[in-house]
Amino acid sequence: MDTITLEKQDNRVVISIDENYLSQSTINKLIDRLKWEHLIERADFDESIDELGEQIKANWWAENREHILGHING
């Protein structure tokens, strides 16, 4: 048996994972991620959300760069 298999049944996709392949914690994280992906798709964000995310990251880095690099070099 393969470690991960996909099977289509009517309007469903069934994912089977060998229980020895991934921990239960990892499987739970995977399911949570799938739920988040579904919610993001339903929200139908436009490209401006990506621009906002990049701006937030740039601002965070500008504010925290010296602190982070000080710990690395320090």
C-alpha atoms as a PDB file:
ATOM      1  CA  MET A   1       0.000   0.000   0.000  1.00  0.00           C
ATOM      2  CA  ASP A   2       1.201   3.518  -0.777  1.00  0.00           C
ATOM      3  CA  THR A   3       1.766   5.850   2.146  1.00  0.00           C
ATOM      4  CA  ILE A   4      -0.718   8.388   0.773  1.00  0.00           C
ATOM      5  CA  THR A   5      -3.511   7.599  -1.682  1.00  0.00           C
ATOM      6  CA  LEU A   6      -6.292   9.655  -3.244  1.00  0.00           C
ATOM      7  CA  GLU A   7      -9.591   8.214  -4.334  1.00  0.00           C
ATOM      8  CA  LYS A   8     -12.501  10.019  -5.974  1.00  0.00           C
ATOM      9  CA  GLN A   9     -15.967   8.912  -4.826  1.00  0.00           C
ATOM     10  CA  ASP A  10     -18.848  10.839  -6.397  1.00  0.00           C
ATOM     11  CA  ASN A  11     -18.275  14.459  -5.344  1.00  0.00           C
ATOM     12  CA  ARG A  12     -15.661  13.635  -2.675  1.00  0.00           C
ATOM     13  CA  VAL A  13     -11.931  13.053  -2.637  1.00  0.00           C
ATOM     14  CA  VAL A  14     -10.858  10.514  -0.036  1.00  0.00           C
ATOM     15  CA  ILE A  15      -7.298  10.833   1.237  1.00  0.00           C
ATOM     16  CA  SER A  16      -5.809   7.784   2.932  1.00  0.00           C
ATOM     17  CA  ILE A  17      -2.605   8.105   4.931  1.00  0.00           C
ATOM     18  CA  ASP A  18      -0.679   5.205   6.417  1.00  0.00           C
ATOM     19  CA  GLU A  19      -0.930   5.749  10.174  1.00  0.00           C
ATOM     20  CA  ASN A  20       2.817   5.154  10.509  1.00  0.00           C
ATOM     21  CA  TYR A  21       3.677   7.828   7.915  1.00  0.00           C
ATOM     22  CA  LEU A  22       2.574  10.985   9.785  1.00  0.00           C
ATOM     23  CA  SER A  23       1.950  11.706  13.438  1.00  0.00           C
ATOM     24  CA  GLN A  24      -1.573  12.536  14.568  1.00  0.00           C
ATOM     25  CA  SER A  25      -0.372  16.054  15.358  1.00  0.00           C
ATOM     26  CA  THR A  26       0.864  16.522  11.791  1.00  0.00           C
ATOM     27  CA  ILE A  27      -2.387  15.181  10.371  1.00  0.00           C
ATOM     28  CA  ASN A  28      -4.349  17.617  12.559  1.00  0.00           C
ATOM     29  CA  LYS A  29      -2.191  20.498  11.298  1.00  0.00           C
ATOM     30  CA  LEU A  30      -2.782  19.354   7.718  1.00  0.00           C
ATOM     31  CA  ILE A  31      -6.547  19.313   8.248  1.00  0.00           C
ATOM     32  CA  ASP A  32      -6.423  22.760   9.842  1.00  0.00           C
ATOM     33  CA  ARG A  33      -4.434  24.021   6.861  1.00  0.00           C
ATOM     34  CA  LEU A  34      -7.033  22.631   4.455  1.00  0.00           C
ATOM     35  CA  LYS A  35      -9.778  24.406   6.406  1.00  0.00           C
ATOM     36  CA  TRP A  36      -7.848  27.704   6.235  1.00  0.00           C
ATOM     37  CA  GLU A  37      -7.255  27.281   2.491  1.00  0.00           C
ATOM     38  CA  HIS A  38     -10.990  26.750   2.012  1.00  0.00           C
ATOM     39  CA  LEU A  39     -11.840  29.906   3.982  1.00  0.00           C
ATOM     40  CA  ILE A  40      -9.267  31.946   2.059  1.00  0.00           C
ATOM     41  CA  GLU A  41     -10.707  30.784  -1.268  1.00  0.00           C
ATOM     42  CA  ARG A  42     -14.222  31.696  -0.144  1.00  0.00           C
ATOM     43  CA  ALA A  43     -13.089  35.165   0.970  1.00  0.00           C
ATOM     44  CA  ASP A  44     -12.113  35.963  -2.659  1.00  0.00           C
ATOM     45  CA  PHE A  45      -9.393  38.498  -1.824  1.00  0.00           C
ATOM     46  CA  ASP A  46      -8.000  40.585  -4.651  1.00  0.00           C
ATOM     47  CA  GLU A  47      -4.310  41.361  -5.285  1.00  0.00           C
ATOM     48  CA  SER A  48      -4.359  44.270  -2.829  1.00  0.00           C
ATOM     49  CA  ILE A  49      -4.260  41.791   0.053  1.00  0.00           C
ATOM     50  CA  ASP A  50      -0.846  40.587  -1.163  1.00  0.00           C
ATOM     51  CA  GLU A  51       0.377  44.177  -1.332  1.00  0.00           C
ATOM     52  CA  LEU A  52      -0.858  44.800   2.209  1.00  0.00           C
ATOM     53  CA  GLY A  53       0.913  41.663   3.430  1.00  0.00           C
ATOM     54  CA  GLU A  54       4.181  42.748   1.820  1.00  0.00           C
ATOM     55  CA  GLN A  55       3.832  46.206   3.374  1.00  0.00           C
ATOM     56  CA  ILE A  56       3.209  44.704   6.824  1.00  0.00           C
ATOM     57  CA  LYS A  57       6.276  42.450   6.501  1.00  0.00           C
ATOM     58  CA  ALA A  58       8.458  45.334   5.290  1.00  0.00           C
ATOM     59  CA  ASN A  59       7.324  47.529   8.188  1.00  0.00           C
ATOM     60  CA  TRP A  60       7.931  44.738  10.694  1.00  0.00           C
ATOM     61  CA  TRP A  61      11.416  44.104   9.317  1.00  0.00           C
ATOM     62  CA  ALA A  62      12.256  47.831   9.406  1.00  0.00           C
ATOM     63  CA  GLU A  63      11.211  47.967  13.064  1.00  0.00           C
ATOM     64  CA  ASN A  64      12.876  44.704  14.153  1.00  0.00           C
ATOM     65  CA  ARG A  65      15.907  44.317  11.900  1.00  0.00           C
ATOM     66  CA  GLU A  66      18.493  45.688  14.336  1.00  0.00           C
ATOM     67  CA  HIS A  67      17.115  43.586  17.193  1.00  0.00           C
ATOM     68  CA  ILE A  68      17.105  40.362  15.145  1.00  0.00           C
ATOM     69  CA  LEU A  69      20.502  40.909  13.541  1.00  0.00           C
ATOM     70  CA  GLY A  70      21.965  41.937  16.894  1.00  0.00           C
ATOM     71  CA  HIS A  71      21.029  38.527  18.321  1.00  0.00           C
ATOM     72  CA  ILE A  72      22.492  36.698  15.332  1.00  0.00           C
ATOM     73  CA  ASN A  73      25.748  38.643  15.255  1.00  0.00           C
ATOM     74  CA  GLY A  74      25.951  39.027  18.867  1.00  0.00           C
END
